[in-house]
Amino acid sequence: MQVRHVVGLTLLLVAAVPLQMYLIKYNQDFRDLVSEIAKNLPNDLLQLSTNYITGYVSAANNYLQSTYDYLGLSKLFEDDSPVDHEVPKNLIRNFRPPHLEYKIGNVVLIHTMRAGVIVGWNIDITDLTKEPEYLILSEVHEELIKLDQDKIVVTLQNIKINHKNIDQYFESFDGIGYIPKESLRKMYPKG
C-alpha cells in the first residue's frame, strides 16, 4: 500500500464522513477499495513505527468496523488472520468500580423486557456518583445499545441471545453467561 492511500483514507475519514458512508453503501468498487485498505492498514503502518502508530491503527480499524456495522456491511471487514490485535491502552478498564453491578458476558433483562448480553461498560471517572453505562447486544436491535445501570432489571441464566454479531464478541456460552473473546478480556480484565 502506498502512502497516498493512507493519506487519502485519513482525509476521507476526517473530512468526508457523509460522502464516505454514501459511497460505501452504494458503490461496490469504493467499498472493495476501502475494505482492502482497511485490511492492510495495520500491517503497512506497523512497518513504519510499531510503538507510535499502533494506537492509531487500532482506532482506525475500530472506526471502520463500526461504520461497516452501522451500514450492515460488517462481513466485508471481517479479518481472516488469526493474529490477536493489540487493544489501545486508553480502552483498557484496569479498574472496576464497586457500584458496577453487571459483568461482561452477563445476560440481562432490560427495562423494555427484552433480553440482551453485556458487551462493555463505561463510567465517568471524574464523577463516580453517575450511573454506569452499559453496551448491550440485544436480539431486538441490530446495533449495540447504551443503557444506564438503572434500566437493567435482572441477570438471567440459561438464556442464549440470538444475534448475528454475538460471535464477534464472545467465544461461547457456558449456560450461565457468555465467555468474552480475548480482546474483550483485555479491555475489561476485571469484568
N, C-alpha and C. Protein backbone atom coordinates (compact mmCIF):
# COMPACT_ATOMS: atom_id res chain seq x y z
N MET A 1 0.85 -1.18 0.00
CA MET A 1 0.00 0.00 0.00
C MET A 1 0.89 1.23 0.00
N GLN A 2 0.47 2.24 -0.72
CA GLN A 2 1.26 3.45 -0.85
C GLN A 2 0.83 4.47 0.19
N VAL A 3 1.74 5.41 0.45
CA VAL A 3 1.47 6.46 1.42
C VAL A 3 0.27 7.28 0.99
N ARG A 4 0.08 7.47 -0.30
CA ARG A 4 -1.06 8.27 -0.77
C ARG A 4 -2.38 7.60 -0.41
N HIS A 5 -2.39 6.27 -0.33
CA HIS A 5 -3.61 5.59 0.11
C HIS A 5 -3.91 5.91 1.57
N VAL A 6 -2.86 5.90 2.39
CA VAL A 6 -3.04 6.22 3.82
C VAL A 6 -3.52 7.65 3.98
N VAL A 7 -2.89 8.59 3.27
CA VAL A 7 -3.29 10.00 3.36
C VAL A 7 -4.72 10.17 2.85
N GLY A 8 -5.03 9.53 1.74
CA GLY A 8 -6.38 9.63 1.19
C GLY A 8 -7.43 9.08 2.12
N LEU A 9 -7.14 7.94 2.74
CA LEU A 9 -8.08 7.35 3.68
C LEU A 9 -8.25 8.22 4.91
N THR A 10 -7.16 8.81 5.39
CA THR A 10 -7.25 9.69 6.55
C THR A 10 -8.11 10.91 6.24
N LEU A 11 -7.89 11.53 5.09
CA LEU A 11 -8.72 12.68 4.70
C LEU A 11 -10.18 12.28 4.56
N LEU A 12 -10.40 11.11 4.01
CA LEU A 12 -11.76 10.63 3.84
C LEU A 12 -12.45 10.42 5.18
N LEU A 13 -11.72 9.85 6.14
CA LEU A 13 -12.29 9.59 7.46
C LEU A 13 -12.62 10.88 8.18
N VAL A 14 -11.74 11.87 8.08
CA VAL A 14 -11.89 13.09 8.85
C VAL A 14 -12.82 14.10 8.17
N ALA A 15 -12.66 14.29 6.87
CA ALA A 15 -13.33 15.40 6.21
C ALA A 15 -14.61 15.03 5.48
N ALA A 16 -14.81 13.77 5.14
CA ALA A 16 -15.92 13.45 4.27
C ALA A 16 -16.71 12.23 4.75
N VAL A 17 -17.06 12.20 6.01
CA VAL A 17 -17.78 11.05 6.55
C VAL A 17 -19.12 10.81 5.85
N PRO A 18 -19.94 11.82 5.61
CA PRO A 18 -21.21 11.54 4.91
C PRO A 18 -21.00 10.98 3.50
N LEU A 19 -20.03 11.54 2.78
CA LEU A 19 -19.73 11.03 1.45
C LEU A 19 -19.21 9.61 1.53
N GLN A 20 -18.36 9.36 2.51
CA GLN A 20 -17.82 8.01 2.70
C GLN A 20 -18.94 7.00 2.95
N MET A 21 -19.87 7.34 3.82
CA MET A 21 -20.95 6.43 4.13
C MET A 21 -21.82 6.16 2.90
N TYR A 22 -22.06 7.20 2.12
CA TYR A 22 -22.84 7.03 0.89
C TYR A 22 -22.11 6.13 -0.10
N LEU A 23 -20.83 6.40 -0.31
CA LEU A 23 -20.05 5.62 -1.27
C LEU A 23 -19.90 4.16 -0.83
N ILE A 24 -19.66 3.96 0.45
CA ILE A 24 -19.50 2.59 0.95
C ILE A 24 -20.80 1.81 0.76
N LYS A 25 -21.92 2.48 0.96
CA LYS A 25 -23.19 1.78 0.87
C LYS A 25 -23.60 1.48 -0.57
N TYR A 26 -23.30 2.40 -1.51
CA TYR A 26 -23.85 2.26 -2.84
C TYR A 26 -22.82 2.02 -3.96
N ASN A 27 -21.53 2.04 -3.66
CA ASN A 27 -20.53 1.89 -4.71
C ASN A 27 -19.64 0.69 -4.39
N GLN A 28 -19.79 -0.39 -5.12
CA GLN A 28 -19.06 -1.64 -4.85
C GLN A 28 -17.55 -1.47 -5.01
N ASP A 29 -17.09 -0.74 -6.03
CA ASP A 29 -15.65 -0.55 -6.23
C ASP A 29 -15.03 0.20 -5.06
N PHE A 30 -15.68 1.25 -4.61
CA PHE A 30 -15.18 2.02 -3.48
C PHE A 30 -15.19 1.16 -2.21
N ARG A 31 -16.25 0.39 -2.03
CA ARG A 31 -16.36 -0.49 -0.88
C ARG A 31 -15.21 -1.49 -0.86
N ASP A 32 -14.88 -2.05 -2.03
CA ASP A 32 -13.78 -3.00 -2.12
C ASP A 32 -12.44 -2.33 -1.82
N LEU A 33 -12.24 -1.10 -2.33
CA LEU A 33 -11.01 -0.37 -2.09
C LEU A 33 -10.83 -0.08 -0.60
N VAL A 34 -11.87 0.43 0.05
CA VAL A 34 -11.79 0.75 1.47
C VAL A 34 -11.57 -0.53 2.28
N SER A 35 -12.23 -1.59 1.89
CA SER A 35 -12.05 -2.86 2.59
C SER A 35 -10.61 -3.35 2.47
N GLU A 36 -10.03 -3.27 1.28
CA GLU A 36 -8.65 -3.70 1.07
C GLU A 36 -7.68 -2.83 1.87
N ILE A 37 -7.89 -1.52 1.84
CA ILE A 37 -7.01 -0.61 2.58
C ILE A 37 -7.13 -0.88 4.08
N ALA A 38 -8.36 -1.06 4.57
CA ALA A 38 -8.56 -1.29 6.00
C ALA A 38 -7.93 -2.60 6.45
N LYS A 39 -7.99 -3.62 5.63
CA LYS A 39 -7.39 -4.91 6.00
C LYS A 39 -5.87 -4.83 6.02
N ASN A 40 -5.28 -4.04 5.12
CA ASN A 40 -3.83 -3.96 5.02
C ASN A 40 -3.24 -2.83 5.87
N LEU A 41 -4.07 -1.92 6.34
CA LEU A 41 -3.59 -0.76 7.08
C LEU A 41 -2.75 -1.12 8.29
N PRO A 42 -3.19 -2.03 9.15
CA PRO A 42 -2.36 -2.32 10.34
C PRO A 42 -0.96 -2.82 9.97
N ASN A 43 -0.86 -3.74 9.05
CA ASN A 43 0.45 -4.29 8.70
C ASN A 43 1.35 -3.25 8.07
N ASP A 44 0.81 -2.42 7.17
CA ASP A 44 1.61 -1.41 6.49
C ASP A 44 2.09 -0.33 7.46
N LEU A 45 1.20 0.12 8.33
CA LEU A 45 1.60 1.17 9.26
C LEU A 45 2.51 0.64 10.36
N LEU A 46 2.33 -0.59 10.77
CA LEU A 46 3.20 -1.15 11.81
C LEU A 46 4.63 -1.26 11.31
N GLN A 47 4.84 -1.38 10.02
CA GLN A 47 6.19 -1.41 9.48
C GLN A 47 6.87 -0.05 9.63
N LEU A 48 6.10 1.03 9.66
CA LEU A 48 6.68 2.36 9.79
C LEU A 48 7.20 2.61 11.21
N SER A 49 6.34 2.42 12.20
CA SER A 49 6.74 2.65 13.58
C SER A 49 5.75 1.95 14.50
N THR A 50 6.17 0.83 15.02
CA THR A 50 5.29 -0.01 15.81
C THR A 50 4.77 0.69 17.06
N ASN A 51 5.64 1.31 17.82
CA ASN A 51 5.24 1.89 19.11
C ASN A 51 4.31 3.09 18.97
N TYR A 52 4.57 3.97 18.02
CA TYR A 52 3.83 5.21 17.92
C TYR A 52 2.47 5.05 17.25
N ILE A 53 2.37 4.22 16.24
CA ILE A 53 1.18 4.19 15.40
C ILE A 53 0.18 3.11 15.80
N THR A 54 0.54 2.16 16.64
CA THR A 54 -0.35 1.05 16.97
C THR A 54 -1.72 1.53 17.47
N GLY A 55 -1.73 2.50 18.35
CA GLY A 55 -3.00 3.02 18.86
C GLY A 55 -3.85 3.64 17.78
N TYR A 56 -3.23 4.36 16.86
CA TYR A 56 -3.97 4.99 15.77
C TYR A 56 -4.52 3.95 14.79
N VAL A 57 -3.75 2.91 14.54
CA VAL A 57 -4.20 1.85 13.65
C VAL A 57 -5.41 1.16 14.24
N SER A 58 -5.35 0.85 15.53
CA SER A 58 -6.49 0.20 16.19
C SER A 58 -7.71 1.11 16.17
N ALA A 59 -7.52 2.40 16.41
CA ALA A 59 -8.64 3.33 16.39
C ALA A 59 -9.26 3.40 14.98
N ALA A 60 -8.40 3.43 13.95
CA ALA A 60 -8.92 3.46 12.58
C ALA A 60 -9.68 2.17 12.26
N ASN A 61 -9.14 1.04 12.68
CA ASN A 61 -9.84 -0.23 12.46
C ASN A 61 -11.19 -0.23 13.16
N ASN A 62 -11.22 0.22 14.43
CA ASN A 62 -12.48 0.26 15.18
C ASN A 62 -13.48 1.18 14.50
N TYR A 63 -13.02 2.35 14.02
CA TYR A 63 -13.91 3.29 13.35
C TYR A 63 -14.49 2.67 12.08
N LEU A 64 -13.63 2.08 11.27
CA LEU A 64 -14.12 1.48 10.03
C LEU A 64 -15.06 0.32 10.31
N GLN A 65 -14.74 -0.47 11.30
CA GLN A 65 -15.62 -1.61 11.62
C GLN A 65 -16.97 -1.12 12.11
N SER A 66 -16.99 -0.08 12.95
CA SER A 66 -18.28 0.43 13.42
C SER A 66 -19.08 1.04 12.27
N THR A 67 -18.39 1.68 11.32
CA THR A 67 -19.08 2.21 10.14
C THR A 67 -19.68 1.09 9.32
N TYR A 68 -18.90 0.02 9.12
CA TYR A 68 -19.40 -1.13 8.37
C TYR A 68 -20.57 -1.77 9.11
N ASP A 69 -20.46 -1.89 10.44
CA ASP A 69 -21.57 -2.47 11.21
C ASP A 69 -22.82 -1.61 11.06
N TYR A 70 -22.66 -0.29 11.13
CA TYR A 70 -23.79 0.62 11.01
C TYR A 70 -24.48 0.47 9.66
N LEU A 71 -23.69 0.26 8.61
CA LEU A 71 -24.25 0.14 7.27
C LEU A 71 -24.66 -1.29 6.94
N GLY A 72 -24.45 -2.22 7.86
CA GLY A 72 -24.80 -3.61 7.61
C GLY A 72 -23.84 -4.31 6.67
N LEU A 73 -22.61 -3.85 6.62
CA LEU A 73 -21.62 -4.41 5.70
C LEU A 73 -20.46 -5.05 6.45
N SER A 74 -20.66 -5.45 7.69
CA SER A 74 -19.56 -5.93 8.52
C SER A 74 -18.89 -7.18 7.98
N LYS A 75 -19.59 -7.97 7.19
CA LYS A 75 -18.97 -9.19 6.66
C LYS A 75 -17.83 -8.87 5.71
N LEU A 76 -17.82 -7.66 5.10
CA LEU A 76 -16.73 -7.27 4.22
C LEU A 76 -15.48 -6.88 5.00
N PHE A 77 -15.61 -6.57 6.28
CA PHE A 77 -14.50 -6.09 7.08
C PHE A 77 -13.92 -7.18 7.96
N GLU A 78 -14.47 -8.38 7.89
CA GLU A 78 -14.01 -9.44 8.77
C GLU A 78 -12.55 -9.75 8.50
N ASP A 79 -11.83 -9.96 9.58
CA ASP A 79 -10.40 -10.24 9.50
C ASP A 79 -10.20 -11.74 9.56
N ASP A 80 -9.57 -12.30 8.53
CA ASP A 80 -9.35 -13.73 8.47
C ASP A 80 -8.08 -14.16 9.18
N SER A 81 -7.25 -13.22 9.59
CA SER A 81 -5.97 -13.60 10.18
C SER A 81 -6.17 -14.00 11.65
N PRO A 82 -5.42 -15.01 12.10
CA PRO A 82 -5.54 -15.45 13.48
C PRO A 82 -4.78 -14.58 14.46
N VAL A 83 -4.08 -13.54 13.99
CA VAL A 83 -3.28 -12.70 14.85
C VAL A 83 -4.19 -11.89 15.78
N ASP A 84 -3.85 -11.86 17.06
CA ASP A 84 -4.62 -11.10 18.03
C ASP A 84 -4.17 -9.65 17.99
N HIS A 85 -5.10 -8.72 17.76
CA HIS A 85 -4.75 -7.31 17.66
C HIS A 85 -4.61 -6.71 19.05
N GLU A 86 -3.69 -5.79 19.17
CA GLU A 86 -3.43 -5.13 20.43
C GLU A 86 -4.56 -4.15 20.74
N VAL A 87 -4.97 -4.08 21.99
CA VAL A 87 -6.02 -3.17 22.42
C VAL A 87 -5.35 -1.88 22.88
N PRO A 88 -5.79 -0.70 22.36
CA PRO A 88 -5.20 0.56 22.80
C PRO A 88 -5.34 0.74 24.31
N LYS A 89 -4.32 1.30 24.92
CA LYS A 89 -4.29 1.44 26.39
C LYS A 89 -5.43 2.31 26.91
N ASN A 90 -5.87 3.30 26.12
CA ASN A 90 -6.95 4.16 26.60
C ASN A 90 -8.31 3.44 26.65
N LEU A 91 -8.41 2.26 26.04
CA LEU A 91 -9.67 1.50 26.08
C LEU A 91 -9.68 0.43 27.18
N ILE A 92 -8.54 0.21 27.82
CA ILE A 92 -8.46 -0.83 28.85
C ILE A 92 -9.00 -0.29 30.17
N ARG A 93 -9.93 -1.04 30.77
CA ARG A 93 -10.51 -0.68 32.06
C ARG A 93 -9.85 -1.54 33.14
N ASN A 94 -8.74 -1.04 33.71
CA ASN A 94 -7.99 -1.81 34.71
C ASN A 94 -8.61 -1.71 36.10
N PHE A 95 -9.71 -1.05 36.20
CA PHE A 95 -10.38 -0.90 37.49
C PHE A 95 -11.82 -1.38 37.36
N ARG A 96 -12.44 -1.64 38.48
CA ARG A 96 -13.86 -2.00 38.48
C ARG A 96 -14.51 -1.29 39.66
N PRO A 97 -15.31 -0.25 39.39
CA PRO A 97 -15.96 0.49 40.47
C PRO A 97 -16.86 -0.43 41.29
N PRO A 98 -16.95 -0.21 42.60
CA PRO A 98 -17.75 -1.10 43.45
C PRO A 98 -19.25 -1.07 43.15
N HIS A 99 -19.76 0.02 42.59
CA HIS A 99 -21.20 0.10 42.31
C HIS A 99 -21.57 -0.42 40.92
N LEU A 100 -20.61 -1.02 40.22
CA LEU A 100 -20.87 -1.64 38.92
C LEU A 100 -21.45 -3.04 39.18
N GLU A 101 -22.74 -3.23 38.87
CA GLU A 101 -23.43 -4.46 39.25
C GLU A 101 -23.25 -5.62 38.28
N TYR A 102 -23.02 -5.35 36.99
CA TYR A 102 -23.02 -6.41 35.99
C TYR A 102 -21.65 -6.54 35.34
N LYS A 103 -21.37 -7.74 34.84
CA LYS A 103 -20.08 -8.03 34.21
C LYS A 103 -20.26 -8.30 32.72
N ILE A 104 -19.14 -8.26 32.00
CA ILE A 104 -19.13 -8.57 30.58
C ILE A 104 -19.56 -10.02 30.40
N GLY A 105 -20.51 -10.26 29.51
CA GLY A 105 -21.00 -11.61 29.25
C GLY A 105 -22.26 -11.97 30.01
N ASN A 106 -22.67 -11.12 30.99
CA ASN A 106 -23.92 -11.38 31.70
C ASN A 106 -25.11 -11.20 30.75
N VAL A 107 -26.04 -12.13 30.80
CA VAL A 107 -27.30 -11.99 30.07
C VAL A 107 -28.26 -11.29 31.01
N VAL A 108 -28.86 -10.20 30.54
CA VAL A 108 -29.71 -9.39 31.40
C VAL A 108 -31.06 -9.12 30.75
N LEU A 109 -32.02 -8.80 31.60
CA LEU A 109 -33.34 -8.36 31.15
C LEU A 109 -33.35 -6.84 31.30
N ILE A 110 -33.61 -6.13 30.18
CA ILE A 110 -33.61 -4.67 30.23
C ILE A 110 -35.03 -4.15 30.47
N HIS A 111 -35.16 -2.87 30.70
CA HIS A 111 -36.42 -2.25 31.09
C HIS A 111 -37.55 -2.45 30.08
N THR A 112 -37.23 -2.75 28.83
CA THR A 112 -38.26 -2.99 27.82
C THR A 112 -38.68 -4.47 27.79
N MET A 113 -38.21 -5.22 28.79
CA MET A 113 -38.50 -6.65 28.94
C MET A 113 -37.95 -7.47 27.78
N ARG A 114 -36.79 -7.09 27.30
CA ARG A 114 -36.06 -7.82 26.27
C ARG A 114 -34.74 -8.30 26.86
N ALA A 115 -34.29 -9.45 26.41
CA ALA A 115 -33.01 -9.98 26.87
C ALA A 115 -31.87 -9.41 26.04
N GLY A 116 -30.71 -9.27 26.68
CA GLY A 116 -29.51 -8.80 26.00
C GLY A 116 -28.29 -9.29 26.74
N VAL A 117 -27.13 -9.15 26.13
CA VAL A 117 -25.89 -9.55 26.75
C VAL A 117 -24.97 -8.33 26.84
N ILE A 118 -24.29 -8.19 27.98
CA ILE A 118 -23.43 -7.04 28.20
C ILE A 118 -22.10 -7.24 27.47
N VAL A 119 -21.77 -6.26 26.63
CA VAL A 119 -20.56 -6.32 25.81
C VAL A 119 -19.50 -5.36 26.37
N GLY A 120 -19.92 -4.35 27.08
CA GLY A 120 -18.97 -3.38 27.62
C GLY A 120 -19.64 -2.46 28.61
N TRP A 121 -18.83 -1.66 29.29
CA TRP A 121 -19.36 -0.66 30.21
C TRP A 121 -18.47 0.56 30.19
N ASN A 122 -19.04 1.69 30.59
CA ASN A 122 -18.30 2.93 30.66
C ASN A 122 -18.76 3.69 31.88
N ILE A 123 -17.85 4.41 32.48
CA ILE A 123 -18.18 5.20 33.66
C ILE A 123 -17.36 6.48 33.63
N ASP A 124 -17.96 7.56 34.09
CA ASP A 124 -17.27 8.84 34.16
C ASP A 124 -16.32 8.80 35.36
N ILE A 125 -15.03 8.73 35.09
CA ILE A 125 -14.04 8.61 36.15
C ILE A 125 -13.99 9.87 37.01
N THR A 126 -14.32 11.01 36.42
CA THR A 126 -14.26 12.26 37.18
C THR A 126 -15.43 12.40 38.15
N ASP A 127 -16.53 11.66 37.92
CA ASP A 127 -17.69 11.72 38.81
C ASP A 127 -18.26 10.31 38.98
N LEU A 128 -17.76 9.60 39.97
CA LEU A 128 -18.18 8.23 40.20
C LEU A 128 -19.59 8.10 40.76
N THR A 129 -20.25 9.23 41.03
CA THR A 129 -21.63 9.16 41.50
C THR A 129 -22.61 8.96 40.35
N LYS A 130 -22.15 9.17 39.13
CA LYS A 130 -23.02 8.98 37.96
C LYS A 130 -23.24 7.50 37.71
N GLU A 131 -24.38 7.18 37.12
CA GLU A 131 -24.71 5.80 36.78
C GLU A 131 -23.75 5.26 35.74
N PRO A 132 -23.30 4.02 35.91
CA PRO A 132 -22.51 3.39 34.83
C PRO A 132 -23.38 3.18 33.60
N GLU A 133 -22.75 3.20 32.45
CA GLU A 133 -23.45 2.98 31.19
C GLU A 133 -22.94 1.67 30.59
N TYR A 134 -23.86 0.82 30.16
CA TYR A 134 -23.52 -0.48 29.61
C TYR A 134 -23.78 -0.52 28.12
N LEU A 135 -22.94 -1.25 27.41
CA LEU A 135 -23.17 -1.54 25.99
C LEU A 135 -23.78 -2.94 25.94
N ILE A 136 -24.96 -3.04 25.33
CA ILE A 136 -25.71 -4.29 25.35
C ILE A 136 -26.07 -4.70 23.93
N LEU A 137 -25.87 -5.98 23.67
CA LEU A 137 -26.26 -6.58 22.39
C LEU A 137 -27.59 -7.28 22.64
N SER A 138 -28.65 -6.79 21.99
CA SER A 138 -30.00 -7.30 22.21
C SER A 138 -30.54 -7.95 20.95
N GLU A 139 -31.40 -8.92 21.11
CA GLU A 139 -31.99 -9.60 19.96
C GLU A 139 -32.82 -8.65 19.10
N VAL A 140 -33.38 -7.65 19.71
CA VAL A 140 -34.29 -6.75 19.01
C VAL A 140 -33.55 -5.70 18.18
N HIS A 141 -32.39 -5.26 18.64
CA HIS A 141 -31.66 -4.19 17.98
C HIS A 141 -30.51 -4.75 17.15
N GLU A 142 -30.29 -4.13 15.99
CA GLU A 142 -29.18 -4.53 15.11
C GLU A 142 -27.84 -4.13 15.72
N GLU A 143 -27.77 -2.94 16.30
CA GLU A 143 -26.54 -2.38 16.83
C GLU A 143 -26.50 -2.52 18.35
N LEU A 144 -25.33 -2.22 18.91
CA LEU A 144 -25.20 -2.16 20.36
C LEU A 144 -26.04 -1.01 20.88
N ILE A 145 -26.67 -1.21 22.02
CA ILE A 145 -27.42 -0.13 22.64
C ILE A 145 -26.73 0.27 23.94
N LYS A 146 -26.87 1.54 24.31
CA LYS A 146 -26.28 2.05 25.55
C LYS A 146 -27.41 2.24 26.55
N LEU A 147 -27.24 1.68 27.74
CA LEU A 147 -28.24 1.82 28.78
C LEU A 147 -27.58 2.12 30.12
N ASP A 148 -28.21 2.98 30.91
CA ASP A 148 -27.75 3.20 32.27
C ASP A 148 -28.06 1.97 33.10
N GLN A 149 -27.32 1.83 34.19
CA GLN A 149 -27.47 0.65 35.05
C GLN A 149 -28.89 0.50 35.60
N ASP A 150 -29.57 1.61 35.85
CA ASP A 150 -30.92 1.52 36.41
C ASP A 150 -31.97 1.04 35.39
N LYS A 151 -31.60 0.92 34.13
CA LYS A 151 -32.51 0.40 33.10
C LYS A 151 -32.41 -1.12 32.95
N ILE A 152 -31.49 -1.74 33.72
CA ILE A 152 -31.34 -3.19 33.69
C ILE A 152 -32.11 -3.76 34.88
N VAL A 153 -32.98 -4.71 34.60
CA VAL A 153 -33.87 -5.24 35.62
C VAL A 153 -33.21 -6.35 36.43
N VAL A 154 -32.68 -7.37 35.75
CA VAL A 154 -32.16 -8.53 36.45
C VAL A 154 -31.20 -9.31 35.55
N THR A 155 -30.32 -10.10 36.16
CA THR A 155 -29.45 -11.01 35.42
C THR A 155 -30.21 -12.30 35.15
N LEU A 156 -30.08 -12.83 33.94
CA LEU A 156 -30.74 -14.07 33.55
C LEU A 156 -29.71 -15.18 33.41
N GLN A 157 -30.13 -16.41 33.61
CA GLN A 157 -29.25 -17.56 33.39
C GLN A 157 -29.93 -18.55 32.45
N ASN A 158 -29.11 -19.34 31.78
CA ASN A 158 -29.58 -20.35 30.83
C ASN A 158 -30.40 -19.77 29.69
N ILE A 159 -30.11 -18.53 29.31
CA ILE A 159 -30.79 -17.88 28.19
C ILE A 159 -29.73 -17.47 27.18
N LYS A 160 -29.85 -17.97 25.96
CA LYS A 160 -28.93 -17.59 24.89
C LYS A 160 -29.54 -16.44 24.09
N ILE A 161 -28.68 -15.54 23.66
CA ILE A 161 -29.11 -14.40 22.86
C ILE A 161 -28.90 -14.75 21.39
N ASN A 162 -29.92 -14.53 20.60
CA ASN A 162 -29.86 -14.81 19.17
C ASN A 162 -29.59 -13.51 18.43
N HIS A 163 -28.31 -13.28 18.12
CA HIS A 163 -27.91 -12.07 17.40
C HIS A 163 -26.80 -12.43 16.43
N LYS A 164 -26.83 -11.83 15.25
CA LYS A 164 -25.86 -12.18 14.21
C LYS A 164 -24.42 -11.81 14.59
N ASN A 165 -24.21 -10.85 15.48
CA ASN A 165 -22.87 -10.40 15.85
C ASN A 165 -22.37 -10.99 17.16
N ILE A 166 -23.06 -11.95 17.73
CA ILE A 166 -22.66 -12.49 19.03
C ILE A 166 -21.27 -13.10 18.99
N ASP A 167 -20.91 -13.73 17.88
CA ASP A 167 -19.59 -14.37 17.75
C ASP A 167 -18.47 -13.34 17.60
N GLN A 168 -18.80 -12.12 17.32
CA GLN A 168 -17.82 -11.06 17.20
C GLN A 168 -17.25 -10.70 18.58
N TYR A 169 -18.03 -10.91 19.62
CA TYR A 169 -17.63 -10.51 20.97
C TYR A 169 -17.34 -11.67 21.91
N PHE A 170 -17.97 -12.82 21.67
CA PHE A 170 -17.88 -13.91 22.63
C PHE A 170 -17.44 -15.22 21.98
N GLU A 171 -16.69 -16.01 22.76
CA GLU A 171 -16.22 -17.31 22.30
C GLU A 171 -17.31 -18.37 22.37
N SER A 172 -18.02 -18.40 23.51
CA SER A 172 -19.01 -19.45 23.71
C SER A 172 -20.00 -19.05 24.80
N PHE A 173 -20.99 -19.90 24.97
CA PHE A 173 -22.00 -19.74 26.01
C PHE A 173 -21.85 -20.90 26.97
N ASP A 174 -21.67 -20.63 28.28
CA ASP A 174 -21.43 -21.70 29.24
C ASP A 174 -22.68 -22.12 30.02
N GLY A 175 -23.84 -21.65 29.62
CA GLY A 175 -25.08 -21.98 30.31
C GLY A 175 -25.50 -20.90 31.29
N ILE A 176 -24.55 -20.19 31.83
CA ILE A 176 -24.86 -19.09 32.74
C ILE A 176 -24.74 -17.75 32.02
N GLY A 177 -23.66 -17.61 31.25
CA GLY A 177 -23.42 -16.38 30.52
C GLY A 177 -22.47 -16.64 29.37
N TYR A 178 -22.01 -15.58 28.74
CA TYR A 178 -21.12 -15.69 27.59
C TYR A 178 -19.67 -15.48 28.02
N ILE A 179 -18.78 -16.25 27.39
CA ILE A 179 -17.35 -16.15 27.64
C ILE A 179 -16.77 -15.16 26.62
N PRO A 180 -16.21 -14.01 27.10
CA PRO A 180 -15.70 -13.00 26.18
C PRO A 180 -14.49 -13.49 25.39
N LYS A 181 -14.34 -12.94 24.19
CA LYS A 181 -13.14 -13.21 23.39
C LYS A 181 -11.96 -12.50 24.04
N GLU A 182 -10.78 -12.84 23.56
CA GLU A 182 -9.53 -12.31 24.13
C GLU A 182 -9.50 -10.79 24.13
N SER A 183 -9.96 -10.14 23.07
CA SER A 183 -9.93 -8.68 23.00
C SER A 183 -10.80 -8.05 24.09
N LEU A 184 -11.97 -8.63 24.36
CA LEU A 184 -12.82 -8.11 25.44
C LEU A 184 -12.20 -8.37 26.81
N ARG A 185 -11.56 -9.52 26.96
CA ARG A 185 -10.89 -9.81 28.24
C ARG A 185 -9.75 -8.83 28.48
N LYS A 186 -9.08 -8.41 27.41
CA LYS A 186 -8.01 -7.42 27.56
C LYS A 186 -8.59 -6.05 27.91
N MET A 187 -9.70 -5.69 27.30
CA MET A 187 -10.31 -4.39 27.55
C MET A 187 -10.90 -4.29 28.95
N TYR A 188 -11.47 -5.40 29.44
CA TYR A 188 -12.11 -5.43 30.75
C TYR A 188 -11.52 -6.58 31.56
N PRO A 189 -10.27 -6.45 32.02
CA PRO A 189 -9.62 -7.56 32.72
C PRO A 189 -10.31 -7.94 34.03
N LYS A 190 -11.07 -7.03 34.61
CA LYS A 190 -11.76 -7.33 35.87
C LYS A 190 -13.26 -7.55 35.66
N GLY A 191 -13.64 -7.70 34.40
CA GLY A 191 -15.06 -7.96 34.08
C GLY A 191 -15.79 -6.70 33.99
